[in-house]
């Protein structure tokens, strides 16, 4: 039996009771943290949660971007994840995500912000400088996520190329692999 609809229903109740469902979309973020770990892992498709609740994902973007600066680390990570899953339709959240990437002391918040920016793609060009700065951070996972994001956003831009060139000789194999993927044209297999 698929528990996903049941869990999703529990997670969206605050949004369904709200006078303006889009205005209350941010309520989904803290509510998702309340479940048991295995329940949390079973429901990792926020677009599905939003759409099932009648909230169009694109409508929730503005509210999530608006509350993002005020969210504590666990909720901010979830909001960033949701924004990333919305993808290019979350372009209006780029300034909020860029600010969290630049200013948050929390590694998880910065990591998920850079991943969300990468999933937004070329519409996140304004964040390239901040992402390139994240590519110089000590944490290898953050550097790898930055390489991947730069590859999705603007791999041929001067700032991206400089950061990716530097990362191509990173001591961490995962960072080098993300960098190699960023340099590959879309759809080209890894073996070429």
Protein backbone atom coordinates (compact mmCIF):
# COMPACT_ATOMS: atom_id res chain seq x y z
CA UNK A 1 0.00 0.00 0.00
CA UNK A 2 1.34 3.43 -0.94
CA UNK A 3 1.35 5.65 2.16
CA UNK A 4 2.24 8.75 0.16
CA UNK A 5 -1.30 10.17 -0.23
CA UNK A 6 -2.01 9.66 3.48
CA UNK A 7 1.20 11.38 4.52
CA UNK A 8 0.68 14.15 2.01
CA UNK A 9 -2.82 14.74 3.34
CA UNK A 10 -1.43 15.13 6.86
CA UNK A 11 1.22 17.53 5.67
CA UNK A 12 -1.11 19.80 3.72
CA UNK A 13 -3.93 20.23 6.24
CA UNK A 14 -2.72 23.70 7.36
CA UNK A 15 -2.74 24.90 3.74
CA UNK A 16 -6.19 23.49 3.03
CA UNK A 17 -7.72 25.31 6.01
CA UNK A 18 -6.19 28.66 5.05
CA UNK A 19 -8.34 31.38 3.47
CA UNK A 20 -5.71 31.81 0.77
CA UNK A 21 -4.01 28.52 0.07
CA UNK A 22 -1.16 30.10 -1.86
CA UNK A 23 -0.57 32.61 0.93
CA UNK A 24 -0.30 29.75 3.42
CA UNK A 25 2.00 27.57 1.30
CA UNK A 26 4.86 28.30 3.68
CA UNK A 27 2.92 26.40 6.35
CA UNK A 28 3.84 23.22 4.49
CA UNK A 29 7.51 23.72 5.24
CA UNK A 30 7.47 23.49 9.05
CA UNK A 31 4.71 20.86 8.96
CA UNK A 32 6.88 18.51 6.91
CA UNK A 33 9.51 18.54 9.66
CA UNK A 34 7.03 17.21 12.22
CA UNK A 35 6.84 13.67 10.81
CA UNK A 36 8.94 10.67 11.76
CA UNK A 37 12.16 10.30 9.79
CA UNK A 38 10.85 7.41 7.69
CA UNK A 39 7.66 9.34 6.95
CA UNK A 40 9.73 12.37 5.97
CA UNK A 41 11.80 10.28 3.56
CA UNK A 42 8.67 8.79 1.98
CA UNK A 43 7.31 12.20 1.00
CA UNK A 44 10.04 14.03 -0.88
CA UNK A 45 8.04 15.35 -3.80
CA UNK A 46 6.89 18.79 -2.70
CA UNK A 47 5.47 19.66 -6.10
CA UNK A 48 3.19 16.64 -5.81
CA UNK A 49 2.19 17.75 -2.29
CA UNK A 50 1.42 21.27 -3.47
CA UNK A 51 -0.46 20.21 -6.58
CA UNK A 52 -2.45 17.56 -4.68
CA UNK A 53 -3.54 20.19 -2.18
CA UNK A 54 -4.78 22.47 -4.95
CA UNK A 55 -1.87 24.86 -4.59
CA UNK A 56 -0.16 25.40 -7.90
CA UNK A 57 3.58 25.12 -7.34
CA UNK A 58 4.24 28.35 -9.19
CA UNK A 59 1.81 30.17 -6.86
CA UNK A 60 3.66 28.91 -3.79
CA UNK A 61 7.02 30.19 -5.03
CA UNK A 62 6.37 33.81 -4.11
CA UNK A 63 5.30 32.93 -0.58
CA UNK A 64 8.20 30.55 -0.02
CA UNK A 65 10.66 33.17 -1.32
CA UNK A 66 9.08 35.80 0.92
CA UNK A 67 9.40 33.75 4.12
CA UNK A 68 12.76 32.14 3.29
CA UNK A 69 14.88 34.84 4.98
CA UNK A 70 13.00 34.32 8.25
CA UNK A 71 13.08 30.52 8.36
CA UNK A 72 15.33 28.62 10.76
CA UNK A 73 17.76 26.17 9.19
CA UNK A 74 15.62 23.00 9.02
CA UNK A 75 12.62 24.79 7.55
CA UNK A 76 14.82 26.86 5.22
CA UNK A 77 16.36 23.68 3.82
CA UNK A 78 12.89 22.27 3.13
CA UNK A 79 11.72 25.51 1.50
CA UNK A 80 14.83 25.60 -0.68
CA UNK A 81 14.29 21.98 -1.64
CA UNK A 82 10.70 22.79 -2.64
CA UNK A 83 11.84 25.76 -4.71
CA UNK A 84 14.44 23.63 -6.45
CA UNK A 85 11.87 20.98 -7.28
CA UNK A 86 9.67 23.62 -8.90
CA UNK A 87 12.66 24.32 -11.18
CA UNK A 88 12.63 27.17 -13.71
CA UNK A 89 9.17 28.26 -12.55
CA UNK A 90 10.85 29.32 -9.28
CA UNK A 91 12.92 32.04 -10.99
CA UNK A 92 11.34 34.75 -8.83
CA UNK A 93 12.97 33.09 -5.79
CA UNK A 94 16.52 33.56 -7.11
CA UNK A 95 17.22 36.70 -5.01
CA UNK A 96 16.07 35.00 -1.78
CA UNK A 97 18.02 31.82 -2.55
CA UNK A 98 21.12 33.83 -3.46
CA UNK A 99 20.91 35.76 -0.20
CA UNK A 100 20.63 32.54 1.83
CA UNK A 101 23.60 31.07 -0.02
CA UNK A 102 25.67 34.19 0.61
CA UNK A 103 24.76 34.85 4.22
CA UNK A 104 23.64 31.73 6.06
CA UNK A 105 26.11 30.30 8.56
CA UNK A 106 24.39 26.91 8.17
CA UNK A 107 26.07 24.56 5.69
CA UNK A 108 22.84 22.65 4.96
CA UNK A 109 21.05 25.90 4.09
CA UNK A 110 23.86 26.98 1.75
CA UNK A 111 24.04 23.52 0.16
CA UNK A 112 20.32 23.32 -0.57
CA UNK A 113 20.26 26.93 -1.79
CA UNK A 114 22.97 26.23 -4.36
CA UNK A 115 21.19 23.05 -5.47
CA UNK A 116 17.89 24.94 -5.86
CA UNK A 117 19.61 27.65 -7.90
CA UNK A 118 21.08 24.98 -10.16
CA UNK A 119 17.68 23.38 -10.67
CA UNK A 120 16.20 26.75 -11.60
CA UNK A 121 18.80 26.81 -14.36
CA UNK A 122 19.62 29.73 -16.69
CA UNK A 123 17.04 31.94 -14.99
CA UNK A 124 19.41 31.98 -11.98
CA UNK A 125 22.23 33.75 -13.88
CA UNK A 126 22.21 36.58 -11.33
CA UNK A 127 23.47 34.10 -8.73
CA UNK A 128 26.53 32.89 -10.66
CA UNK A 129 28.99 35.07 -8.72
CA UNK A 130 27.64 33.87 -5.38
CA UNK A 131 27.68 30.26 -6.55
CA UNK A 132 31.28 30.67 -7.76
CA UNK A 133 32.19 31.95 -4.28
CA UNK A 134 30.54 28.83 -2.78
CA UNK A 135 32.74 26.76 -5.09
CA UNK A 136 35.72 27.92 -3.01
CA UNK A 137 34.26 26.79 0.34
CA UNK A 138 36.05 24.12 2.38
CA UNK A 139 33.17 21.62 2.21
CA UNK A 140 33.52 19.24 -0.74
CA UNK A 141 29.77 18.57 -1.01
CA UNK A 142 29.09 22.29 -1.31
CA UNK A 143 31.85 22.66 -3.93
CA UNK A 144 30.40 19.75 -5.93
CA UNK A 145 26.89 21.21 -5.73
CA UNK A 146 28.28 24.58 -6.87
CA UNK A 147 30.00 22.94 -9.85
CA UNK A 148 26.79 21.20 -10.82
CA UNK A 149 24.79 24.43 -10.45
CA UNK A 150 27.25 26.41 -12.55
CA UNK A 151 27.00 23.72 -15.23
CA UNK A 152 23.22 23.97 -15.27
CA UNK A 153 23.04 27.76 -15.17
CA UNK A 154 25.82 29.10 -17.37
CA UNK A 155 28.77 26.76 -17.96
CA UNK A 156 30.23 28.88 -20.74
CA UNK A 157 30.13 32.21 -18.86
CA UNK A 158 33.47 33.72 -17.77
CA UNK A 159 32.80 33.46 -14.03
CA UNK A 160 31.51 29.90 -14.31
CA UNK A 161 34.40 28.81 -16.53
CA UNK A 162 36.97 30.22 -14.08
CA UNK A 163 35.35 28.47 -11.11
CA UNK A 164 34.90 25.20 -13.00
CA UNK A 165 38.51 25.29 -14.22
CA UNK A 166 39.69 25.69 -10.62
CA UNK A 167 37.40 22.86 -9.47
CA UNK A 168 38.61 20.52 -12.23
CA UNK A 169 41.78 19.96 -10.17
CA UNK A 170 40.01 19.75 -6.80
CA UNK A 171 41.45 17.13 -4.43
CA UNK A 172 37.97 15.59 -4.00
CA UNK A 173 36.92 13.09 -6.69
CA UNK A 174 33.22 13.98 -6.29
CA UNK A 175 33.96 17.63 -6.98
CA UNK A 176 36.02 16.74 -10.06
CA UNK A 177 33.20 14.47 -11.32
CA UNK A 178 30.62 17.25 -10.86
CA UNK A 179 32.95 19.62 -12.68
CA UNK A 180 33.40 17.19 -15.59
CA UNK A 181 29.62 16.81 -15.81
CA UNK A 182 29.22 20.59 -15.86
CA UNK A 183 31.55 20.85 -18.86
CA UNK A 184 29.67 18.16 -20.85
CA UNK A 185 27.02 19.35 -23.29
CA UNK A 186 23.50 18.39 -22.23
CA UNK A 187 22.64 14.85 -23.21
CA UNK A 188 26.21 13.80 -23.95
CA UNK A 189 27.13 10.49 -22.27
CA UNK A 190 29.84 10.48 -19.59
CA UNK A 191 32.18 8.22 -21.55
CA UNK A 192 32.84 10.68 -24.38
